[in-house]
Each structure stands twice: as C-alpha cells, then as structure tokens.
Amino acid sequence: MKTAVVAIGGNAIIQEGQKGTLKEQMENISKCCAPIIDLIEAGYHVVLTHGNGPQIGNTLIKQETAKDMIPPYPMDACGAETQGLLGYLIKQALENVMAKRNTNKNIISIITRVLVDENDSGFKNPTKPVGPFFTLAEKKRLEKEKGYMMKEDSGRGYRRVVASPKPLNILEKDGIKALLDKDFLVIAAGGGGIPVVKQESGYAGVEAVIDKDYASSLLAREIGADLLIMLTGVDQVAVHFGKPAQRFLSRIGLKEIKGYVKEGQFPPGSMGPKIEAAVSFVETCRKTALITSIGGLKGAITGENGTRIIPD
C-alpha cells in the first residue's frame, strides 16, 4: 500500500469568526473527515498532521488571564497540550464518521517531538507572533519580567514573538512507521511538533513554534511517503494571484515551480511555506506533492483539481 501524509491547517479547525468551542471544533473536524476516509478507501496508509495556531493562541490567553492563580507553562508544554487535545478530537471525529460509512480503521494519536538546532537563526530573530495582544505598559512589563521579545501587530497592540526554527528530525518517526506497518491511521506532528534541542543530559523543550508544513514535509521524507498532501483554503495554487494575468496551476514540474518561487509568486505569509515544503519533498523523494482544499481533495486525488508538483 502507498502512504500519504495529509496536513490540515489549524484555521480549518477553528474558523474565522468562531469562538473556538469544542462543539465548533468537532463540527469543523467532522467536515474534514470524508475526504480523508476517501483516501483510505482508495488504498492509502495515512499519516494526518495538523496546525494548532488558534488553539495555542487560546491556551496562551488563558494562561495570561490566570497567571496570578496558576503558573503558566512554556511554549513546548503548550504545544504538547494542544497536540493531545486535537489528537483526541480528530480521532473521535474520524471514528464517528467511519462508523457511518462502515469503514474500519485503527486510529492512534502520537505526541510528537521535533529536533531543532539551538543555533538556528530563528532564535536570533524571532518573528512568529503568538498569544494575546498587550498594551504598551504591559509590553514593557513582560520584556522586563520575562525577557519576552514583543512587537507591534498591525495597530492592534503588542504581541509576543517567538522563534520558528527549521525542523531537523522527527523523533517519533520509527514509532510512526511501525504503526503504519500495523495498518493504523496515525495522527502526528500536531502544530509542527514539540520543538526540542539536544543537550548533554538529553532533550529539552524550547520556546519556539515549528511551521506545520515544514514538519509535515520532513515527516513525509523520513517515513518514505508516496504522497504529501497540504490542505489549504483554495482548490489550486495560482501565479499572479489577484491580477489580470492570474493563472491556476494543475500539474507542474520542479524546475517550473522553482522559477515562480524566484519571481516571488508565493508570499512567505501565505502560500510560500507550502510551496517550499512541497518542493523539498518532491526533490528528495522523487514523489508527488498535492496542494488543494479540504473540499477539493477527493477530486484532486483523481486529478480533477488541485495542484500537483511532480519530479522533472
């Protein structure tokens, strides 16, 4: 059987304008299940990864609100918390939808650590905003008391920024491969994984977040996946987006997509990381990466839509 790594964005689980109640999250996840089950029924082993941006943001807001009552946790522990919660919700939703379709599949969620380099340039220049907004006075207090790096965010106040280092190694990859061999659907590397560094005494968590698409690409490479699927808000990738010359890409080779990257067609804050992650996978494994929406996945598998990045 072939193996597919499928990456779901955290914003698909808590959508814009929602409060993020458990009921809302379960309903949103349930809407994602059918195309994933379609993939299983098409004969694929599946590793499911997911974002956690809105969820970890909510966790940090709760910590700040209750800071005088309960000691706050560092970022790595917050990542572990959201991995556990989202793994539970995704597993529950998948099992419920599978039962309605008479599909039987063992599902397991793995708390996943990801090795990063403590000398990664991201630690010298943190750029990833996390958590709540603060006033100028609160910003100064947090910088003094906790050593946080704070930056103004679009006129809405100040937010903490943390490093987003590149992932180097999925520490639980051997366990993930063993479970795939036993025909499990595996939920792993949630939120890009828990960032850890190697020290003399072992591994230690760090105050950082890892890009979910980069981690998903690395996981796909390390387990030898046949297909990397990144689910986003659009059915297909476009060049000259929003301009008269806009053109959707359906099937594109490495050389051509790299040319578009050099032209700056894919901004760092939106499609850029997905394209970079896809290129890394295709280049290393000589397999296909697919970018599409959740609703477009079924058609993308059969070639009706989606953007396929293929080896030259």
C-alpha atoms as a PDB file:
ATOM      1  CA  MET A   1       0.000   0.000   0.000  1.00  0.00           C
ATOM      2  CA  LYS A   2       1.039   3.578  -0.635  1.00  0.00           C
ATOM      3  CA  THR A   3       1.449   6.094   2.198  1.00  0.00           C
ATOM      4  CA  ALA A   4       0.128   9.649   2.179  1.00  0.00           C
ATOM      5  CA  VAL A   5       0.938  12.404   4.680  1.00  0.00           C
ATOM      6  CA  VAL A   6      -2.005  14.818   4.906  1.00  0.00           C
ATOM      7  CA  ALA A   7      -1.556  18.226   6.569  1.00  0.00           C
ATOM      8  CA  ILE A   8      -4.642  20.113   7.807  1.00  0.00           C
ATOM      9  CA  GLY A   9      -4.397  23.775   8.803  1.00  0.00           C
ATOM     10  CA  GLY A  10      -5.322  24.851  12.341  1.00  0.00           C
ATOM     11  CA  ASN A  11      -7.604  27.510  10.876  1.00  0.00           C
ATOM     12  CA  ALA A  12      -9.758  24.748   9.385  1.00  0.00           C
ATOM     13  CA  ILE A  13     -10.436  23.546  12.936  1.00  0.00           C
ATOM     14  CA  ILE A  14     -11.275  26.973  14.399  1.00  0.00           C
ATOM     15  CA  GLN A  15     -12.585  29.094  11.553  1.00  0.00           C
ATOM     16  CA  GLU A  16     -12.642  32.868  11.262  1.00  0.00           C
ATOM     17  CA  GLY A  17     -15.362  34.452  13.374  1.00  0.00           C
ATOM     18  CA  GLN A  18     -15.808  31.414  15.634  1.00  0.00           C
ATOM     19  CA  LYS A  19     -15.210  31.380  19.389  1.00  0.00           C
ATOM     20  CA  GLY A  20     -13.458  28.033  19.266  1.00  0.00           C
ATOM     21  CA  THR A  21     -15.833  25.997  21.423  1.00  0.00           C
ATOM     22  CA  LEU A  22     -15.267  22.249  21.475  1.00  0.00           C
ATOM     23  CA  LYS A  23     -18.580  21.814  19.647  1.00  0.00           C
ATOM     24  CA  GLU A  24     -17.422  24.129  16.850  1.00  0.00           C
ATOM     25  CA  GLN A  25     -14.076  22.374  16.578  1.00  0.00           C
ATOM     26  CA  MET A  26     -15.670  18.913  16.457  1.00  0.00           C
ATOM     27  CA  GLU A  27     -18.103  20.046  13.747  1.00  0.00           C
ATOM     28  CA  ASN A  28     -15.287  21.539  11.668  1.00  0.00           C
ATOM     29  CA  ILE A  29     -13.094  18.452  12.045  1.00  0.00           C
ATOM     30  CA  SER A  30     -16.022  16.201  11.112  1.00  0.00           C
ATOM     31  CA  LYS A  31     -16.330  18.104   7.811  1.00  0.00           C
ATOM     32  CA  CYS A  32     -12.670  17.248   7.090  1.00  0.00           C
ATOM     33  CA  CYS A  33     -13.122  13.515   7.659  1.00  0.00           C
ATOM     34  CA  ALA A  34     -14.898  12.363   4.497  1.00  0.00           C
ATOM     35  CA  PRO A  35     -12.063  13.155   2.037  1.00  0.00           C
ATOM     36  CA  ILE A  36      -9.509  11.574   4.384  1.00  0.00           C
ATOM     37  CA  ILE A  37     -11.608   8.415   4.569  1.00  0.00           C
ATOM     38  CA  ASP A  38     -11.914   8.542   0.763  1.00  0.00           C
ATOM     39  CA  LEU A  39      -8.119   8.423   0.656  1.00  0.00           C
ATOM     40  CA  ILE A  40      -8.057   5.360   2.925  1.00  0.00           C
ATOM     41  CA  GLU A  41     -10.697   3.656   0.788  1.00  0.00           C
ATOM     42  CA  ALA A  42      -8.559   4.460  -2.275  1.00  0.00           C
ATOM     43  CA  GLY A  43      -5.870   2.230  -0.756  1.00  0.00           C
ATOM     44  CA  TYR A  44      -3.563   4.586   1.140  1.00  0.00           C
ATOM     45  CA  HIS A  45      -1.998   4.362   4.570  1.00  0.00           C
ATOM     46  CA  VAL A  46      -2.490   7.828   6.068  1.00  0.00           C
ATOM     47  CA  VAL A  47      -0.497   9.974   8.469  1.00  0.00           C
ATOM     48  CA  LEU A  48      -2.510  13.021   9.444  1.00  0.00           C
ATOM     49  CA  THR A  49      -0.786  16.192  10.645  1.00  0.00           C
ATOM     50  CA  HIS A  50      -2.491  19.402  11.727  1.00  0.00           C
ATOM     51  CA  GLY A  51      -1.885  23.003  12.682  1.00  0.00           C
ATOM     52  CA  ASN A  52      -2.596  24.431  16.135  1.00  0.00           C
ATOM     53  CA  GLY A  53      -2.264  28.211  15.707  1.00  0.00           C
ATOM     54  CA  PRO A  54      -5.697  29.264  17.016  1.00  0.00           C
ATOM     55  CA  GLN A  55      -5.638  26.613  19.741  1.00  0.00           C
ATOM     56  CA  ILE A  56      -2.219  27.509  21.138  1.00  0.00           C
ATOM     57  CA  GLY A  57      -3.194  31.173  20.951  1.00  0.00           C
ATOM     58  CA  ASN A  58      -6.227  30.433  23.121  1.00  0.00           C
ATOM     59  CA  THR A  59      -4.059  28.454  25.553  1.00  0.00           C
ATOM     60  CA  LEU A  60      -1.700  31.425  25.946  1.00  0.00           C
ATOM     61  CA  ILE A  61      -4.633  33.804  26.517  1.00  0.00           C
ATOM     62  CA  LYS A  62      -5.976  31.515  29.257  1.00  0.00           C
ATOM     63  CA  GLN A  63      -2.536  31.384  30.867  1.00  0.00           C
ATOM     64  CA  GLU A  64      -2.184  35.162  30.850  1.00  0.00           C
ATOM     65  CA  THR A  65      -5.670  35.594  32.337  1.00  0.00           C
ATOM     66  CA  ALA A  66      -4.992  33.092  35.140  1.00  0.00           C
ATOM     67  CA  LYS A  67      -1.292  33.928  35.684  1.00  0.00           C
ATOM     68  CA  ASP A  68      -1.855  35.034  39.305  1.00  0.00           C
ATOM     69  CA  MET A  69      -3.609  31.754  40.146  1.00  0.00           C
ATOM     70  CA  ILE A  70      -1.839  29.067  38.103  1.00  0.00           C
ATOM     71  CA  PRO A  71       1.818  29.016  36.988  1.00  0.00           C
ATOM     72  CA  PRO A  72       1.982  29.377  33.172  1.00  0.00           C
ATOM     73  CA  TYR A  73       3.648  26.696  31.045  1.00  0.00           C
ATOM     74  CA  PRO A  74       6.400  27.307  28.461  1.00  0.00           C
ATOM     75  CA  MET A  75       5.655  27.087  24.736  1.00  0.00           C
ATOM     76  CA  ASP A  76       6.775  23.464  24.330  1.00  0.00           C
ATOM     77  CA  ALA A  77       4.350  22.311  27.040  1.00  0.00           C
ATOM     78  CA  CYS A  78       1.547  24.365  25.480  1.00  0.00           C
ATOM     79  CA  GLY A  79       2.299  22.605  22.197  1.00  0.00           C
ATOM     80  CA  ALA A  80       2.046  19.230  23.902  1.00  0.00           C
ATOM     81  CA  GLU A  81      -1.313  20.215  25.425  1.00  0.00           C
ATOM     82  CA  THR A  82      -2.791  21.194  22.085  1.00  0.00           C
ATOM     83  CA  GLN A  83      -1.393  18.076  20.392  1.00  0.00           C
ATOM     84  CA  GLY A  84      -3.190  15.930  22.944  1.00  0.00           C
ATOM     85  CA  LEU A  85      -6.491  17.793  22.698  1.00  0.00           C
ATOM     86  CA  LEU A  86      -6.570  17.990  18.912  1.00  0.00           C
ATOM     87  CA  GLY A  87      -5.407  14.392  18.545  1.00  0.00           C
ATOM     88  CA  TYR A  88      -8.361  13.330  20.711  1.00  0.00           C
ATOM     89  CA  LEU A  89     -10.867  15.460  18.759  1.00  0.00           C
ATOM     90  CA  ILE A  90      -9.603  14.307  15.350  1.00  0.00           C
ATOM     91  CA  LYS A  91      -9.564  10.624  16.384  1.00  0.00           C
ATOM     92  CA  GLN A  92     -13.097  10.873  17.803  1.00  0.00           C
ATOM     93  CA  ALA A  93     -14.469  12.624  14.716  1.00  0.00           C
ATOM     94  CA  LEU A  94     -12.823  10.182  12.294  1.00  0.00           C
ATOM     95  CA  GLU A  95     -14.109   7.137  14.171  1.00  0.00           C
ATOM     96  CA  ASN A  96     -17.658   8.549  14.241  1.00  0.00           C
ATOM     97  CA  VAL A  97     -17.689   9.292  10.502  1.00  0.00           C
ATOM     98  CA  MET A  98     -16.087   5.919   9.695  1.00  0.00           C
ATOM     99  CA  ALA A  99     -18.805   4.126  11.663  1.00  0.00           C
ATOM    100  CA  LYS A 100     -21.474   5.769   9.489  1.00  0.00           C
ATOM    101  CA  ARG A 101     -19.642   4.614   6.349  1.00  0.00           C
ATOM    102  CA  ASN A 102     -18.940   1.099   7.681  1.00  0.00           C
ATOM    103  CA  THR A 103     -15.207   1.724   7.331  1.00  0.00           C
ATOM    104  CA  ASN A 104     -12.996   0.092   9.931  1.00  0.00           C
ATOM    105  CA  LYS A 105      -9.562   1.519  10.744  1.00  0.00           C
ATOM    106  CA  ASN A 106      -7.470   1.669  13.901  1.00  0.00           C
ATOM    107  CA  ILE A 107      -6.513   5.269  14.727  1.00  0.00           C
ATOM    108  CA  ILE A 108      -3.826   6.483  17.113  1.00  0.00           C
ATOM    109  CA  SER A 109      -2.518   9.923  18.047  1.00  0.00           C
ATOM    110  CA  ILE A 110       1.201  10.335  18.784  1.00  0.00           C
ATOM    111  CA  ILE A 111       2.639  13.169  20.894  1.00  0.00           C
ATOM    112  CA  THR A 112       5.495  14.112  18.579  1.00  0.00           C
ATOM    113  CA  ARG A 113       8.768  15.906  19.335  1.00  0.00           C
ATOM    114  CA  VAL A 114      10.801  17.544  16.605  1.00  0.00           C
ATOM    115  CA  LEU A 115      14.510  18.266  16.881  1.00  0.00           C
ATOM    116  CA  VAL A 116      15.687  21.798  16.078  1.00  0.00           C
ATOM    117  CA  ASP A 117      19.107  23.449  16.199  1.00  0.00           C
ATOM    118  CA  GLU A 118      19.581  25.721  19.213  1.00  0.00           C
ATOM    119  CA  ASN A 119      21.795  27.873  16.958  1.00  0.00           C
ATOM    120  CA  ASP A 120      19.105  28.214  14.285  1.00  0.00           C
ATOM    121  CA  SER A 121      18.964  31.803  13.009  1.00  0.00           C
ATOM    122  CA  GLY A 122      15.283  31.914  14.026  1.00  0.00           C
ATOM    123  CA  PHE A 123      16.305  32.169  17.677  1.00  0.00           C
ATOM    124  CA  LYS A 124      18.329  35.296  16.957  1.00  0.00           C
ATOM    125  CA  ASN A 125      15.433  36.982  15.163  1.00  0.00           C
ATOM    126  CA  PRO A 126      12.063  35.707  16.483  1.00  0.00           C
ATOM    127  CA  THR A 127       9.237  36.583  14.101  1.00  0.00           C
ATOM    128  CA  LYS A 128       6.275  34.325  14.916  1.00  0.00           C
ATOM    129  CA  PRO A 129       3.530  36.209  16.831  1.00  0.00           C
ATOM    130  CA  VAL A 130       1.757  34.131  19.490  1.00  0.00           C
ATOM    131  CA  GLY A 131      -0.883  34.662  22.128  1.00  0.00           C
ATOM    132  CA  PRO A 132      -2.855  37.746  23.216  1.00  0.00           C
ATOM    133  CA  PHE A 133      -2.419  41.451  22.459  1.00  0.00           C
ATOM    134  CA  PHE A 134      -0.914  43.723  25.132  1.00  0.00           C
ATOM    135  CA  THR A 135      -0.790  47.437  25.815  1.00  0.00           C
ATOM    136  CA  LEU A 136       2.471  49.382  25.707  1.00  0.00           C
ATOM    137  CA  ALA A 137       2.711  49.300  29.518  1.00  0.00           C
ATOM    138  CA  GLU A 138       2.153  45.513  29.563  1.00  0.00           C
ATOM    139  CA  LYS A 139       4.713  45.091  26.784  1.00  0.00           C
ATOM    140  CA  LYS A 140       7.362  46.864  28.866  1.00  0.00           C
ATOM    141  CA  ARG A 141       6.488  44.778  31.942  1.00  0.00           C
ATOM    142  CA  LEU A 142       6.734  41.474  30.056  1.00  0.00           C
ATOM    143  CA  GLU A 143      10.019  42.436  28.431  1.00  0.00           C
ATOM    144  CA  LYS A 144      11.453  43.317  31.833  1.00  0.00           C
ATOM    145  CA  GLU A 145       9.973  40.495  33.933  1.00  0.00           C
ATOM    146  CA  LYS A 146      10.080  37.587  31.486  1.00  0.00           C
ATOM    147  CA  GLY A 147      12.527  38.670  28.817  1.00  0.00           C
ATOM    148  CA  TYR A 148       9.909  38.308  26.099  1.00  0.00           C
ATOM    149  CA  MET A 149      10.505  39.884  22.716  1.00  0.00           C
ATOM    150  CA  MET A 150       7.436  41.938  21.846  1.00  0.00           C
ATOM    151  CA  LYS A 151       6.419  43.553  18.548  1.00  0.00           C
ATOM    152  CA  GLU A 152       3.588  45.826  17.479  1.00  0.00           C
ATOM    153  CA  ASP A 153       0.988  43.945  15.418  1.00  0.00           C
ATOM    154  CA  SER A 154      -0.985  45.853  12.774  1.00  0.00           C
ATOM    155  CA  GLY A 155      -2.117  48.632  15.102  1.00  0.00           C
ATOM    156  CA  ARG A 156      -3.907  46.177  17.384  1.00  0.00           C
ATOM    157  CA  GLY A 157      -1.370  46.222  20.213  1.00  0.00           C
ATOM    158  CA  TYR A 158       1.784  44.306  21.076  1.00  0.00           C
ATOM    159  CA  ARG A 159       2.286  40.545  20.873  1.00  0.00           C
ATOM    160  CA  ARG A 160       4.998  38.208  21.931  1.00  0.00           C
ATOM    161  CA  VAL A 161       7.119  36.835  19.079  1.00  0.00           C
ATOM    162  CA  VAL A 162       8.994  33.530  19.273  1.00  0.00           C
ATOM    163  CA  ALA A 163      11.430  31.674  17.056  1.00  0.00           C
ATOM    164  CA  SER A 164      10.275  29.417  14.238  1.00  0.00           C
ATOM    165  CA  PRO A 165      13.337  27.187  13.620  1.00  0.00           C
ATOM    166  CA  LYS A 166      13.546  24.666  10.791  1.00  0.00           C
ATOM    167  CA  PRO A 167      12.751  21.060  11.801  1.00  0.00           C
ATOM    168  CA  LEU A 168      15.676  18.625  11.573  1.00  0.00           C
ATOM    169  CA  ASN A 169      14.388  15.253  12.783  1.00  0.00           C
ATOM    170  CA  ILE A 170      11.028  13.754  13.799  1.00  0.00           C
ATOM    171  CA  LEU A 171      11.991  11.894  16.977  1.00  0.00           C
ATOM    172  CA  GLU A 172       8.976   9.564  16.942  1.00  0.00           C
ATOM    173  CA  LYS A 173       9.344   8.599  13.262  1.00  0.00           C
ATOM    174  CA  ASP A 174      10.251   4.950  13.963  1.00  0.00           C
ATOM    175  CA  GLY A 175       7.125   4.510  16.067  1.00  0.00           C
ATOM    176  CA  ILE A 176       5.018   6.144  13.348  1.00  0.00           C
ATOM    177  CA  LYS A 177       6.452   3.784  10.718  1.00  0.00           C
ATOM    178  CA  ALA A 178       5.813   0.755  12.944  1.00  0.00           C
ATOM    179  CA  LEU A 179       2.173   1.783  13.425  1.00  0.00           C
ATOM    180  CA  LEU A 180       1.695   2.290   9.684  1.00  0.00           C
ATOM    181  CA  ASP A 181       3.017  -1.233   9.146  1.00  0.00           C
ATOM    182  CA  LYS A 182       0.271  -2.405  11.548  1.00  0.00           C
ATOM    183  CA  ASP A 183      -2.318  -0.583   9.372  1.00  0.00           C
ATOM    184  CA  PHE A 184      -3.031   2.279  11.796  1.00  0.00           C
ATOM    185  CA  LEU A 185      -4.100   5.740  10.719  1.00  0.00           C
ATOM    186  CA  VAL A 186      -1.583   7.891  12.624  1.00  0.00           C
ATOM    187  CA  ILE A 187      -2.158  11.461  13.834  1.00  0.00           C
ATOM    188  CA  ALA A 188       1.270  13.014  14.412  1.00  0.00           C
ATOM    189  CA  ALA A 189       3.406  16.186  14.406  1.00  0.00           C
ATOM    190  CA  GLY A 190       0.489  18.350  15.516  1.00  0.00           C
ATOM    191  CA  GLY A 191       1.258  22.058  15.316  1.00  0.00           C
ATOM    192  CA  GLY A 192       4.567  21.236  13.647  1.00  0.00           C
ATOM    193  CA  GLY A 193       5.637  19.098  16.619  1.00  0.00           C
ATOM    194  CA  ILE A 194       7.058  19.990  20.024  1.00  0.00           C
ATOM    195  CA  PRO A 195      10.387  21.786  19.449  1.00  0.00           C
ATOM    196  CA  VAL A 196      13.290  20.243  21.375  1.00  0.00           C
ATOM    197  CA  VAL A 197      17.070  20.620  21.317  1.00  0.00           C
ATOM    198  CA  LYS A 198      19.722  18.013  22.115  1.00  0.00           C
ATOM    199  CA  GLN A 199      21.741  18.600  25.275  1.00  0.00           C
ATOM    200  CA  GLU A 200      24.265  16.532  27.241  1.00  0.00           C
ATOM    201  CA  SER A 201      21.511  15.414  29.604  1.00  0.00           C
ATOM    202  CA  GLY A 202      19.095  14.546  26.769  1.00  0.00           C
ATOM    203  CA  TYR A 203      16.385  16.513  25.005  1.00  0.00           C
ATOM    204  CA  ALA A 204      14.947  19.792  26.285  1.00  0.00           C
ATOM    205  CA  GLY A 205      11.934  21.745  25.075  1.00  0.00           C
ATOM    206  CA  VAL A 206      12.460  25.289  23.776  1.00  0.00           C
ATOM    207  CA  GLU A 207      10.342  28.429  23.470  1.00  0.00           C
ATOM    208  CA  ALA A 208       9.520  28.189  19.772  1.00  0.00           C
ATOM    209  CA  VAL A 209       6.968  27.012  17.234  1.00  0.00           C
ATOM    210  CA  ILE A 210       7.663  24.939  14.129  1.00  0.00           C
ATOM    211  CA  ASP A 211       5.920  25.537  10.828  1.00  0.00           C
ATOM    212  CA  LYS A 212       3.422  22.723  10.303  1.00  0.00           C
ATOM    213  CA  ASP A 213       4.092  22.460   6.564  1.00  0.00           C
ATOM    214  CA  TYR A 214       7.878  22.150   7.007  1.00  0.00           C
ATOM    215  CA  ALA A 215       7.381  19.489   9.699  1.00  0.00           C
ATOM    216  CA  SER A 216       4.882  17.586   7.536  1.00  0.00           C
ATOM    217  CA  SER A 217       7.305  17.610   4.602  1.00  0.00           C
ATOM    218  CA  LEU A 218      10.143  16.360   6.824  1.00  0.00           C
ATOM    219  CA  LEU A 219       7.944  13.599   8.257  1.00  0.00           C
ATOM    220  CA  ALA A 220       6.890  12.536   4.746  1.00  0.00           C
ATOM    221  CA  ARG A 221      10.542  12.365   3.693  1.00  0.00           C
ATOM    222  CA  GLU A 222      11.644  10.462   6.795  1.00  0.00           C
ATOM    223  CA  ILE A 223       8.966   7.762   6.533  1.00  0.00           C
ATOM    224  CA  GLY A 224       9.318   7.451   2.743  1.00  0.00           C
ATOM    225  CA  ALA A 225       5.773   8.592   1.925  1.00  0.00           C
ATOM    226  CA  ASP A 226       4.468   8.290  -1.632  1.00  0.00           C
ATOM    227  CA  LEU A 227       2.323  11.434  -1.497  1.00  0.00           C
ATOM    228  CA  LEU A 228       2.368  14.679   0.502  1.00  0.00           C
ATOM    229  CA  ILE A 229      -0.966  16.498   0.636  1.00  0.00           C
ATOM    230  CA  MET A 230      -1.247  20.007   2.063  1.00  0.00           C
ATOM    231  CA  LEU A 231      -4.794  21.207   2.587  1.00  0.00           C
ATOM    232  CA  THR A 232      -5.379  24.941   2.450  1.00  0.00           C
ATOM    233  CA  GLY A 233      -8.135  27.459   1.695  1.00  0.00           C
ATOM    234  CA  VAL A 234      -8.028  27.198  -2.114  1.00  0.00           C
ATOM    235  CA  ASP A 235      -8.596  24.367  -4.581  1.00  0.00           C
ATOM    236  CA  GLN A 236      -5.491  25.217  -6.622  1.00  0.00           C
ATOM    237  CA  VAL A 237      -2.320  27.283  -6.412  1.00  0.00           C
ATOM    238  CA  ALA A 238      -2.245  30.368  -8.645  1.00  0.00           C
ATOM    239  CA  VAL A 239       0.510  32.564 -10.054  1.00  0.00           C
ATOM    240  CA  HIS A 240      -0.032  36.332 -10.471  1.00  0.00           C
ATOM    241  CA  PHE A 241      -2.693  35.901  -7.778  1.00  0.00           C
ATOM    242  CA  GLY A 242      -5.425  38.556  -7.853  1.00  0.00           C
ATOM    243  CA  LYS A 243      -4.111  40.139 -11.057  1.00  0.00           C
ATOM    244  CA  PRO A 244      -5.450  40.075 -14.640  1.00  0.00           C
ATOM    245  CA  ALA A 245      -2.764  37.538 -15.560  1.00  0.00           C
ATOM    246  CA  GLN A 246      -3.802  35.145 -12.757  1.00  0.00           C
ATOM    247  CA  ARG A 247      -3.389  31.505 -13.765  1.00  0.00           C
ATOM    248  CA  PHE A 248      -4.126  28.347 -11.796  1.00  0.00           C
ATOM    249  CA  LEU A 249      -1.584  25.539 -11.760  1.00  0.00           C
ATOM    250  CA  SER A 250      -2.801  21.960 -12.092  1.00  0.00           C
ATOM    251  CA  ARG A 251       0.367  19.951 -12.793  1.00  0.00           C
ATOM    252  CA  ILE A 252       3.823  21.472 -12.592  1.00  0.00           C
ATOM    253  CA  GLY A 253       7.413  20.228 -12.523  1.00  0.00           C
ATOM    254  CA  LEU A 254      10.143  21.201 -10.078  1.00  0.00           C
ATOM    255  CA  LYS A 255      12.054  23.438 -12.455  1.00  0.00           C
ATOM    256  CA  GLU A 256       8.984  25.496 -13.337  1.00  0.00           C
ATOM    257  CA  ILE A 257       7.732  25.888  -9.762  1.00  0.00           C
ATOM    258  CA  LYS A 258      11.222  26.947  -8.619  1.00  0.00           C
ATOM    259  CA  GLY A 259      11.168  29.618 -11.296  1.00  0.00           C
ATOM    260  CA  TYR A 260       7.945  31.003  -9.877  1.00  0.00           C
ATOM    261  CA  VAL A 261       9.466  30.934  -6.377  1.00  0.00           C
ATOM    262  CA  LYS A 262      12.392  33.066  -7.619  1.00  0.00           C
ATOM    263  CA  GLU A 263       9.897  35.513  -9.111  1.00  0.00           C
ATOM    264  CA  GLY A 264       8.331  35.956  -5.665  1.00  0.00           C
ATOM    265  CA  GLN A 265       4.975  34.495  -6.723  1.00  0.00           C
ATOM    266  CA  PHE A 266       4.355  32.829  -3.347  1.00  0.00           C
ATOM    267  CA  PRO A 267       4.483  35.199  -0.338  1.00  0.00           C
ATOM    268  CA  PRO A 268       6.135  33.972   2.898  1.00  0.00           C
ATOM    269  CA  GLY A 269       2.979  34.655   4.918  1.00  0.00           C
ATOM    270  CA  SER A 270       0.623  32.559   2.785  1.00  0.00           C
ATOM    271  CA  MET A 271       1.489  30.025   0.084  1.00  0.00           C
ATOM    272  CA  GLY A 272       5.290  30.334   0.390  1.00  0.00           C
ATOM    273  CA  PRO A 273       5.905  27.747   3.150  1.00  0.00           C
ATOM    274  CA  LYS A 274       3.607  25.210   1.468  1.00  0.00           C
ATOM    275  CA  ILE A 275       5.437  25.523  -1.841  1.00  0.00           C
ATOM    276  CA  GLU A 276       8.853  25.299  -0.149  1.00  0.00           C
ATOM    277  CA  ALA A 277       7.746  22.246   1.858  1.00  0.00           C
ATOM    278  CA  ALA A 278       6.326  20.590  -1.263  1.00  0.00           C
ATOM    279  CA  VAL A 279       9.482  21.236  -3.284  1.00  0.00           C
ATOM    280  CA  SER A 280      11.673  19.712  -0.534  1.00  0.00           C
ATOM    281  CA  PHE A 281       9.578  16.540  -0.508  1.00  0.00           C
ATOM    282  CA  VAL A 282       9.405  16.137  -4.304  1.00  0.00           C
ATOM    283  CA  GLU A 283      13.114  16.852  -4.715  1.00  0.00           C
ATOM    284  CA  THR A 284      14.175  14.340  -2.042  1.00  0.00           C
ATOM    285  CA  CYS A 285      11.689  11.512  -2.578  1.00  0.00           C
ATOM    286  CA  ARG A 286      11.007  11.955  -6.329  1.00  0.00           C
ATOM    287  CA  LYS A 287       7.310  11.608  -5.496  1.00  0.00           C
ATOM    288  CA  THR A 288       4.287  13.908  -5.857  1.00  0.00           C
ATOM    289  CA  ALA A 289       3.097  16.734  -3.596  1.00  0.00           C
ATOM    290  CA  LEU A 290      -0.505  17.887  -3.831  1.00  0.00           C
ATOM    291  CA  ILE A 291      -1.915  21.230  -2.651  1.00  0.00           C
ATOM    292  CA  THR A 292      -5.695  21.705  -2.549  1.00  0.00           C
ATOM    293  CA  SER A 293      -8.630  22.486  -0.248  1.00  0.00           C
ATOM    294  CA  ILE A 294     -10.372  20.044   2.074  1.00  0.00           C
ATOM    295  CA  GLY A 295     -13.448  20.082  -0.152  1.00  0.00           C
ATOM    296  CA  GLY A 296     -11.321  19.629  -3.252  1.00  0.00           C
ATOM    297  CA  LEU A 297      -9.315  16.649  -2.000  1.00  0.00           C
ATOM    298  CA  LYS A 298     -11.496  13.911  -3.480  1.00  0.00           C
ATOM    299  CA  GLY A 299     -11.326  15.492  -6.933  1.00  0.00           C
ATOM    300  CA  ALA A 300      -7.630  16.253  -6.517  1.00  0.00           C
ATOM    301  CA  ILE A 301      -6.839  12.572  -5.886  1.00  0.00           C
ATOM    302  CA  THR A 302      -8.432  11.683  -9.233  1.00  0.00           C
ATOM    303  CA  GLY A 303      -6.740  14.614 -10.986  1.00  0.00           C
ATOM    304  CA  GLU A 304      -9.840  16.772 -11.470  1.00  0.00           C
ATOM    305  CA  ASN A 305      -8.475  19.710  -9.445  1.00  0.00           C
ATOM    306  CA  GLY A 306      -5.702  20.608  -7.025  1.00  0.00           C
ATOM    307  CA  THR A 307      -2.079  21.483  -7.831  1.00  0.00           C
ATOM    308  CA  ARG A 308       0.330  18.585  -8.313  1.00  0.00           C
ATOM    309  CA  ILE A 309       4.050  19.273  -8.023  1.00  0.00           C
ATOM    310  CA  ILE A 310       5.939  16.445  -9.695  1.00  0.00           C
ATOM    311  CA  PRO A 311       9.591  15.467 -10.318  1.00  0.00           C
ATOM    312  CA  ASP A 312      11.067  16.647 -13.632  1.00  0.00           C
END
